[in-house]
């Protein structure tokens, strides 16, 4: 069974509470994966990590083209991980 996790501060993590939700295939009615049941603590952690990342990133001398290339490269990486 597939287990999804939150991606916070560069790491895949479970929900802070440890709670999960079953993801059900509507065609079969069977559980095929679990997902973190994220709550406010997880949102706060993600927002804090994003703010720290922004503070680091905003001072970089990066062009829009370079930034878009990085995003596309990451998307390709994620697609290959499936």
N, C-alpha and C. Protein backbone atom coordinates (compact mmCIF):
# COMPACT_ATOMS: atom_id res chain seq x y z
N UNK A 1 0.84 -1.17 0.00
CA UNK A 1 0.00 0.00 0.00
C UNK A 1 0.90 1.24 0.00
N UNK A 2 0.49 2.22 -0.77
CA UNK A 2 1.26 3.45 -0.89
C UNK A 2 1.02 4.33 0.35
N UNK A 3 2.07 4.99 0.80
CA UNK A 3 1.97 5.88 1.96
C UNK A 3 2.48 7.26 1.54
N UNK A 4 1.59 8.23 1.51
CA UNK A 4 1.98 9.59 1.21
C UNK A 4 2.44 10.27 2.50
N UNK A 5 3.33 11.25 2.34
CA UNK A 5 3.83 12.00 3.49
C UNK A 5 3.88 13.48 3.13
N UNK A 6 3.92 14.33 4.12
CA UNK A 6 4.08 15.76 3.89
C UNK A 6 5.54 16.02 3.49
N UNK A 7 5.75 17.05 2.69
CA UNK A 7 7.11 17.47 2.34
C UNK A 7 7.32 18.84 2.98
N UNK A 8 8.02 18.84 4.12
CA UNK A 8 8.22 20.07 4.88
C UNK A 8 9.71 20.23 5.18
N UNK A 9 10.22 21.40 4.86
CA UNK A 9 11.61 21.75 5.16
C UNK A 9 12.60 20.76 4.52
N UNK A 10 12.27 20.34 3.30
CA UNK A 10 13.17 19.47 2.55
C UNK A 10 13.12 18.01 2.95
N UNK A 11 12.13 17.63 3.79
CA UNK A 11 12.03 16.24 4.24
C UNK A 11 10.61 15.75 4.11
N UNK A 12 10.47 14.47 3.82
CA UNK A 12 9.16 13.83 3.85
C UNK A 12 8.87 13.44 5.29
N UNK A 13 7.76 13.94 5.83
CA UNK A 13 7.43 13.70 7.23
C UNK A 13 5.96 13.31 7.37
N UNK A 14 5.68 12.57 8.43
CA UNK A 14 4.30 12.25 8.78
C UNK A 14 3.66 13.49 9.42
N UNK A 15 2.35 13.44 9.58
CA UNK A 15 1.67 14.51 10.30
C UNK A 15 2.20 14.53 11.74
N UNK A 16 2.28 15.71 12.32
CA UNK A 16 2.79 15.84 13.68
C UNK A 16 1.99 14.98 14.66
N UNK A 17 0.70 14.84 14.41
CA UNK A 17 -0.16 14.05 15.28
C UNK A 17 -0.01 12.55 15.04
N UNK A 18 0.56 12.19 13.90
CA UNK A 18 0.66 10.78 13.52
C UNK A 18 -0.61 10.25 12.90
N UNK A 19 -1.67 11.07 12.85
CA UNK A 19 -2.94 10.64 12.26
C UNK A 19 -2.82 10.50 10.75
N UNK A 20 -3.53 9.53 10.21
CA UNK A 20 -3.56 9.33 8.76
C UNK A 20 -5.00 9.19 8.28
N UNK A 21 -5.16 9.36 7.00
CA UNK A 21 -6.45 9.15 6.33
C UNK A 21 -6.27 8.07 5.29
N UNK A 22 -7.27 7.21 5.15
CA UNK A 22 -7.25 6.21 4.08
C UNK A 22 -7.70 6.86 2.78
N UNK A 23 -7.03 6.53 1.71
CA UNK A 23 -7.43 6.99 0.38
C UNK A 23 -8.03 5.78 -0.33
N UNK A 24 -9.26 5.94 -0.75
CA UNK A 24 -10.02 4.82 -1.30
C UNK A 24 -10.15 4.96 -2.81
N UNK A 25 -9.90 3.86 -3.50
CA UNK A 25 -10.11 3.81 -4.94
C UNK A 25 -11.62 3.75 -5.18
N UNK A 26 -12.20 4.77 -5.83
CA UNK A 26 -13.65 4.78 -6.00
C UNK A 26 -14.16 3.65 -6.91
N UNK A 27 -13.30 3.13 -7.75
CA UNK A 27 -13.71 2.05 -8.64
C UNK A 27 -13.84 0.72 -7.91
N UNK A 28 -13.01 0.53 -6.89
CA UNK A 28 -13.03 -0.75 -6.19
C UNK A 28 -13.56 -0.65 -4.76
N UNK A 29 -13.56 0.56 -4.21
CA UNK A 29 -13.97 0.75 -2.83
C UNK A 29 -12.91 0.31 -1.83
N UNK A 30 -11.72 -0.01 -2.32
CA UNK A 30 -10.65 -0.49 -1.45
C UNK A 30 -9.63 0.61 -1.16
N UNK A 31 -9.04 0.53 0.01
CA UNK A 31 -7.99 1.47 0.39
C UNK A 31 -6.74 1.14 -0.42
N UNK A 32 -6.19 2.15 -1.08
CA UNK A 32 -4.96 1.90 -1.84
C UNK A 32 -3.78 2.72 -1.33
N UNK A 33 -4.05 3.65 -0.41
CA UNK A 33 -2.96 4.48 0.12
C UNK A 33 -3.42 5.13 1.42
N UNK A 34 -2.43 5.65 2.15
CA UNK A 34 -2.72 6.48 3.32
C UNK A 34 -2.06 7.84 3.10
N UNK A 35 -2.64 8.83 3.74
CA UNK A 35 -2.14 10.19 3.63
C UNK A 35 -2.10 10.80 5.03
N UNK A 36 -1.15 11.69 5.30
CA UNK A 36 -1.14 12.32 6.62
C UNK A 36 -2.42 13.14 6.81
N UNK A 37 -2.99 13.08 7.98
CA UNK A 37 -4.13 13.92 8.32
C UNK A 37 -3.56 15.19 8.96
N UNK A 38 -3.10 16.07 8.09
CA UNK A 38 -2.39 17.27 8.54
C UNK A 38 -3.33 18.25 9.24
N UNK A 39 -2.80 18.85 10.28
CA UNK A 39 -3.57 19.81 11.06
C UNK A 39 -2.77 21.11 11.16
N UNK A 40 -3.21 22.01 12.02
CA UNK A 40 -2.60 23.33 12.12
C UNK A 40 -1.11 23.27 12.39
N UNK A 41 -0.66 22.34 13.23
CA UNK A 41 0.77 22.24 13.54
C UNK A 41 1.59 21.95 12.28
N UNK A 42 1.04 21.13 11.39
CA UNK A 42 1.74 20.81 10.13
C UNK A 42 1.76 22.02 9.20
N UNK A 43 0.66 22.74 9.17
CA UNK A 43 0.58 23.95 8.34
C UNK A 43 1.57 24.98 8.85
N UNK A 44 1.61 25.16 10.18
CA UNK A 44 2.55 26.11 10.77
C UNK A 44 4.00 25.75 10.44
N UNK A 45 4.32 24.45 10.53
CA UNK A 45 5.69 23.99 10.23
C UNK A 45 6.02 24.24 8.76
N UNK A 46 5.07 23.97 7.87
CA UNK A 46 5.30 24.18 6.44
C UNK A 46 5.47 25.67 6.12
N UNK A 47 4.65 26.51 6.75
CA UNK A 47 4.75 27.95 6.51
C UNK A 47 6.07 28.51 7.05
N UNK A 48 6.51 28.03 8.20
CA UNK A 48 7.78 28.49 8.76
C UNK A 48 8.94 28.07 7.86
N UNK A 49 8.89 26.84 7.35
CA UNK A 49 9.94 26.37 6.44
C UNK A 49 9.93 27.18 5.15
N UNK A 50 8.76 27.48 4.65
CA UNK A 50 8.66 28.28 3.42
C UNK A 50 9.22 29.69 3.65
N UNK A 51 8.93 30.26 4.78
CA UNK A 51 9.44 31.60 5.09
C UNK A 51 10.96 31.59 5.18
N UNK A 52 11.52 30.57 5.85
CA UNK A 52 12.98 30.47 5.92
C UNK A 52 13.58 30.30 4.52
N UNK A 53 12.96 29.48 3.72
CA UNK A 53 13.44 29.28 2.35
C UNK A 53 13.38 30.56 1.54
N UNK A 54 12.29 31.31 1.71
CA UNK A 54 12.16 32.57 0.99
C UNK A 54 13.24 33.55 1.40
N UNK A 55 13.51 33.62 2.70
CA UNK A 55 14.54 34.56 3.18
C UNK A 55 15.89 34.24 2.56
N UNK A 56 16.19 32.97 2.39
CA UNK A 56 17.45 32.56 1.76
C UNK A 56 17.42 32.83 0.27
N UNK A 57 16.30 32.49 -0.37
CA UNK A 57 16.18 32.57 -1.82
C UNK A 57 16.13 34.01 -2.32
N UNK A 58 15.46 34.90 -1.59
CA UNK A 58 15.23 36.26 -2.11
C UNK A 58 16.51 37.03 -2.34
N UNK A 59 17.58 36.67 -1.63
CA UNK A 59 18.84 37.39 -1.78
C UNK A 59 19.72 36.84 -2.90
N UNK A 60 19.27 35.75 -3.53
CA UNK A 60 20.07 35.17 -4.61
C UNK A 60 19.97 36.02 -5.86
N UNK A 61 21.03 36.03 -6.60
CA UNK A 61 21.05 36.73 -7.89
C UNK A 61 20.61 35.74 -8.96
N UNK A 62 19.32 35.50 -9.00
CA UNK A 62 18.79 34.49 -9.91
C UNK A 62 17.85 35.15 -10.92
N UNK A 63 18.01 34.78 -12.16
CA UNK A 63 17.11 35.31 -13.18
C UNK A 63 15.83 34.49 -13.21
N UNK A 64 14.79 35.03 -13.80
CA UNK A 64 13.54 34.29 -13.93
C UNK A 64 13.74 33.03 -14.75
N UNK A 65 14.57 33.11 -15.77
CA UNK A 65 14.83 31.93 -16.59
C UNK A 65 15.48 30.84 -15.76
N UNK A 66 16.45 31.20 -14.93
CA UNK A 66 17.12 30.22 -14.08
C UNK A 66 16.13 29.62 -13.09
N UNK A 67 15.27 30.45 -12.50
CA UNK A 67 14.27 29.96 -11.55
C UNK A 67 13.31 28.99 -12.22
N UNK A 68 12.84 29.34 -13.41
CA UNK A 68 11.90 28.45 -14.11
C UNK A 68 12.59 27.15 -14.49
N UNK A 69 13.87 27.21 -14.84
CA UNK A 69 14.61 26.00 -15.16
C UNK A 69 14.70 25.09 -13.93
N UNK A 70 14.93 25.68 -12.77
CA UNK A 70 15.00 24.89 -11.53
C UNK A 70 13.67 24.23 -11.22
N UNK A 71 12.58 24.95 -11.42
CA UNK A 71 11.24 24.39 -11.17
C UNK A 71 10.96 23.24 -12.13
N UNK A 72 11.28 23.42 -13.40
CA UNK A 72 11.05 22.36 -14.38
C UNK A 72 11.93 21.15 -14.07
N UNK A 73 13.17 21.39 -13.68
CA UNK A 73 14.06 20.28 -13.32
C UNK A 73 13.51 19.50 -12.14
N UNK A 74 12.97 20.21 -11.15
CA UNK A 74 12.40 19.53 -9.99
C UNK A 74 11.16 18.74 -10.38
N UNK A 75 10.34 19.30 -11.25
CA UNK A 75 9.13 18.59 -11.72
C UNK A 75 9.52 17.30 -12.44
N UNK A 76 10.53 17.35 -13.28
CA UNK A 76 11.00 16.15 -13.98
C UNK A 76 11.51 15.14 -12.97
N UNK A 77 12.26 15.59 -11.98
CA UNK A 77 12.75 14.71 -10.92
C UNK A 77 11.59 14.02 -10.22
N UNK A 78 10.56 14.78 -9.86
CA UNK A 78 9.40 14.20 -9.16
C UNK A 78 8.68 13.18 -10.03
N UNK A 79 8.55 13.47 -11.30
CA UNK A 79 7.86 12.54 -12.21
C UNK A 79 8.64 11.24 -12.36
N UNK A 80 9.96 11.33 -12.33
CA UNK A 80 10.78 10.12 -12.44
C UNK A 80 10.70 9.26 -11.18
N UNK A 81 10.36 9.88 -10.03
CA UNK A 81 10.30 9.16 -8.76
C UNK A 81 9.01 8.35 -8.62
N UNK A 82 8.04 8.55 -9.49
CA UNK A 82 6.75 7.83 -9.39
C UNK A 82 6.92 6.37 -9.58
